[in-house]
Protein backbone atom coordinates (compact mmCIF):
# COMPACT_ATOMS: atom_id res chain seq x y z
CA MET A 1 250.78 56.47 97.45
CA PRO A 2 252.19 56.23 94.13
CA CYS A 3 252.18 58.03 91.04
CA LEU A 4 249.69 55.90 88.52
CA PRO A 5 250.74 55.91 85.13
CA ALA A 6 249.31 58.07 82.45
CA ILE A 7 246.51 56.86 80.20
CA LYS A 8 246.56 57.09 76.55
CA ASP A 9 244.29 55.11 74.35
CA GLY A 10 243.59 52.53 76.77
CA LEU A 11 247.38 51.94 77.60
CA ALA A 12 249.47 52.92 80.21
CA LEU A 13 252.44 54.70 79.49
CA ALA A 14 255.19 53.92 82.05
CA ASP A 15 258.55 52.51 81.89
CA HIS A 16 258.89 48.81 82.93
CA ALA A 17 260.35 49.88 86.73
CA ALA A 18 257.41 51.39 87.51
CA VAL A 19 254.91 49.40 86.83
CA ARG A 20 257.47 46.93 88.59
CA GLU A 21 256.91 48.86 91.60
CA LEU A 22 253.36 49.26 91.05
CA GLN A 23 252.58 45.47 91.03
CA MET A 24 255.42 44.84 94.22
CA GLY A 25 253.98 47.68 96.25
CA HIS A 26 257.51 48.74 97.02
CA GLN A 27 256.64 48.80 100.58
CA SER A 28 259.27 46.29 102.14
CA GLY A 29 262.75 47.49 100.81
CA LEU A 30 263.52 44.19 99.65
CA GLU A 31 262.36 45.07 96.13
CA ASP A 32 265.57 47.19 95.24
CA LEU A 33 268.18 44.44 96.13
CA SER A 34 269.07 42.01 94.63
CA VAL A 35 268.32 38.23 94.78
CA LYS A 36 272.25 37.81 95.46
CA GLU A 37 271.73 40.58 98.13
CA ILE A 38 268.75 39.01 99.77
CA MET A 39 270.48 35.40 100.07
CA ASP A 40 273.92 36.86 101.66
CA ARG A 41 271.99 39.07 104.17
CA TRP A 42 269.21 36.46 104.67
CA PRO A 43 270.64 32.95 104.15
CA GLN A 44 267.33 31.31 105.38
CA THR A 45 265.49 32.75 102.29
CA ALA A 46 267.58 30.41 99.82
CA SER A 47 264.65 28.07 100.77
CA ALA A 48 261.83 30.41 99.28
CA PHE A 49 263.99 30.02 95.68
CA ILE A 50 264.42 26.58 96.18
CA ALA A 51 260.96 25.39 97.06
CA ARG A 52 259.76 27.44 93.52
CA ARG A 53 262.41 25.19 91.65
CA MET A 54 264.40 28.37 91.09
CA HIS A 55 268.08 28.08 90.00
CA CYS A 56 268.28 31.81 92.00
CA VAL A 57 271.57 30.22 94.78
CA GLY A 58 274.72 30.11 93.32
CA CYS A 59 273.29 32.25 89.62
CA PRO A 60 275.83 34.37 87.55
CA ILE A 61 272.55 36.46 87.25
CA GLY A 62 271.61 36.86 91.01
CA PRO A 63 273.56 40.06 91.55
CA PHE A 64 271.49 41.63 88.79
CA HIS A 65 268.03 40.07 89.13
CA THR A 66 265.63 41.70 91.46
CA LEU A 67 262.69 39.16 93.43
CA ALA A 68 260.29 40.64 90.51
CA ASP A 69 263.15 39.80 87.87
CA ALA A 70 263.55 36.39 89.08
CA ALA A 71 259.48 35.75 89.17
CA ALA A 72 259.29 36.75 86.03
CA GLU A 73 262.04 34.74 84.63
CA HIS A 74 260.56 31.52 86.62
CA HIS A 75 256.53 32.99 85.48
CA LEU A 76 255.83 33.06 89.20
CA ASP A 77 253.75 35.23 90.80
CA ASP A 78 256.05 38.09 92.12
CA ARG A 79 253.85 39.21 95.19
CA ASP A 80 253.50 35.15 96.17
CA LEU A 81 257.92 34.88 96.20
CA LEU A 82 257.85 38.63 97.85
CA ASP A 83 255.65 37.17 100.48
CA ALA A 84 257.70 33.78 101.05
CA ILE A 85 261.20 35.71 101.39
CA GLN A 86 259.15 37.69 103.81
CA ARG A 87 258.24 35.03 105.95
CA ASP A 88 261.50 33.39 105.73
CA ILE A 89 263.59 36.96 106.91
CA LYS A 90 261.03 36.95 109.87
CA ALA A 91 261.04 33.08 111.02
CA GLY A 92 264.60 33.66 110.75
CA GLN A 93 267.63 35.72 112.82
CA ALA A 94 269.29 38.99 112.21
CA PRO A 95 270.84 39.85 108.77
CA GLY A 96 274.13 38.07 107.99
CA ARG A 97 274.28 35.75 110.77
CA ARG A 98 274.42 32.09 110.15
CA ARG A 99 272.81 29.25 112.62
């Protein structure tokens, strides 16, 4: 179980990354990969980004954004995006292979 951030005067004292880890659950391993790494390994996941009108496919920021970063940038729920990515991966084939 992850450590919870310290509380002082009702405010959590945690950096952005720690908050993101708590929000994302940090359980699938996808949270640490960049958007580009995810689409490179599992090309079928591009549809999850496209369906949400995210322009992550081919974006020059893709190598630097995690799923949480991309969701925040597009004002989307990061858990919903992670769930969609996981569904696409499970529905597809082995990493790095194209149909």
